[in-house]
């Protein structure tokens, strides 16, 4: 188990942390999806920023879930990263794809 997952597991035992985590889970999932896809495509934050006509610091804030995003911005990011919004927000896990347990 990674250090992050260990710390998260410990932190989720705190009811206040758990409440905040659940309230922001979609934003964090979107950020994780963007990071994963950007890296799969071999893009740097700067290259993604250029494609989105923005700055590297904005991409960094998006990837840290520190940027409020409009649906239009999400669509543009999805287009550049060659993915759809549903996959960005609700990715299929490896276990789901291996077992066929898709929603």
Protein backbone atom coordinates (compact mmCIF):
# COMPACT_ATOMS: atom_id res chain seq x y z
CA UNK A 1 0.00 0.00 0.00
CA UNK A 2 1.37 3.41 -0.92
CA UNK A 3 2.18 6.03 1.67
CA UNK A 4 -0.68 8.19 0.38
CA UNK A 5 -3.19 5.36 0.75
CA UNK A 6 -1.95 4.57 4.26
CA UNK A 7 -2.25 8.22 5.33
CA UNK A 8 -5.66 8.52 3.69
CA UNK A 9 -6.90 5.41 5.47
CA UNK A 10 -5.73 6.84 8.80
CA UNK A 11 -7.17 10.27 8.06
CA UNK A 12 -10.55 8.86 7.07
CA UNK A 13 -10.94 7.59 10.62
CA UNK A 14 -11.42 11.23 11.64
CA UNK A 15 -15.14 12.07 11.15
CA UNK A 16 -14.44 15.70 10.19
CA UNK A 17 -11.86 14.67 7.61
CA UNK A 18 -14.19 11.98 6.27
CA UNK A 19 -17.00 14.50 5.81
CA UNK A 20 -14.74 16.94 3.97
CA UNK A 21 -13.23 14.16 1.83
CA UNK A 22 -16.65 12.94 0.76
CA UNK A 23 -17.80 16.47 -0.02
CA UNK A 24 -14.87 16.95 -2.41
CA UNK A 25 -14.44 13.45 -3.84
CA UNK A 26 -15.74 14.28 -7.33
CA UNK A 27 -13.28 17.18 -7.66
CA UNK A 28 -10.40 14.95 -6.57
CA UNK A 29 -11.50 12.18 -8.94
CA UNK A 30 -11.55 14.61 -11.85
CA UNK A 31 -8.06 15.82 -10.89
CA UNK A 32 -6.73 12.24 -10.68
CA UNK A 33 -8.27 11.41 -14.07
CA UNK A 34 -6.70 14.46 -15.70
CA UNK A 35 -3.27 13.66 -14.26
CA UNK A 36 -3.46 10.01 -15.29
CA UNK A 37 -4.56 10.75 -18.86
CA UNK A 38 -2.06 13.61 -19.30
CA UNK A 39 0.76 11.29 -18.26
CA UNK A 40 -0.54 8.47 -20.50
CA UNK A 41 -0.37 10.88 -23.43
CA UNK A 42 3.15 11.93 -22.42
CA UNK A 43 2.18 15.56 -21.91
CA UNK A 44 3.70 17.95 -19.40
CA UNK A 45 1.54 20.43 -17.53
CA UNK A 46 3.01 23.14 -19.77
CA UNK A 47 2.05 21.27 -22.95
CA UNK A 48 -1.48 20.70 -21.68
CA UNK A 49 -1.68 24.36 -20.70
CA UNK A 50 -0.70 25.45 -24.21
CA UNK A 51 -3.39 23.21 -25.72
CA UNK A 52 -5.94 24.75 -23.35
CA UNK A 53 -4.70 28.32 -24.00
CA UNK A 54 -3.88 28.82 -20.34
CA UNK A 55 -0.87 28.69 -18.04
CA UNK A 56 0.96 25.85 -16.35
CA UNK A 57 -0.04 27.24 -12.96
CA UNK A 58 -3.74 26.91 -13.87
CA UNK A 59 -3.18 23.28 -14.90
CA UNK A 60 -1.37 22.70 -11.61
CA UNK A 61 -4.33 24.13 -9.68
CA UNK A 62 -6.72 21.94 -11.70
CA UNK A 63 -4.63 18.86 -10.94
CA UNK A 64 -4.57 19.77 -7.25
CA UNK A 65 -8.37 20.25 -7.23
CA UNK A 66 -7.81 23.88 -6.26
CA UNK A 67 -9.55 25.38 -9.30
CA UNK A 68 -13.30 25.69 -9.78
CA UNK A 69 -14.09 24.38 -13.25
CA UNK A 70 -17.03 25.11 -15.50
CA UNK A 71 -18.63 22.41 -17.62
CA UNK A 72 -17.18 24.19 -20.65
CA UNK A 73 -13.66 23.98 -19.23
CA UNK A 74 -14.15 20.31 -18.36
CA UNK A 75 -15.33 19.65 -21.93
CA UNK A 76 -12.28 21.41 -23.36
CA UNK A 77 -9.91 19.44 -21.12
CA UNK A 78 -11.67 16.20 -22.06
CA UNK A 79 -11.38 17.06 -25.76
CA UNK A 80 -7.65 17.82 -25.51
CA UNK A 81 -7.05 14.64 -23.47
CA UNK A 82 -9.20 12.54 -25.82
CA UNK A 83 -11.63 11.40 -23.14
CA UNK A 84 -15.28 11.96 -22.27
CA UNK A 85 -16.71 13.70 -19.21
CA UNK A 86 -18.22 10.52 -17.78
CA UNK A 87 -14.86 8.75 -17.84
CA UNK A 88 -13.20 11.83 -16.34
CA UNK A 89 -15.60 11.89 -13.41
CA UNK A 90 -16.31 8.17 -13.01
CA UNK A 91 -13.44 6.11 -14.43
CA UNK A 92 -13.76 2.37 -14.78
CA UNK A 93 -11.50 0.72 -12.25
CA UNK A 94 -9.17 -2.10 -13.25
CA UNK A 95 -11.24 -4.51 -11.15
CA UNK A 96 -14.48 -3.48 -12.88
CA UNK A 97 -12.95 -3.91 -16.34
CA UNK A 98 -11.41 -7.29 -15.46
CA UNK A 99 -14.58 -8.72 -13.91
CA UNK A 100 -17.09 -7.13 -16.26
CA UNK A 101 -18.83 -5.44 -13.33
CA UNK A 102 -19.64 -2.27 -15.20
CA UNK A 103 -22.52 -0.01 -14.21
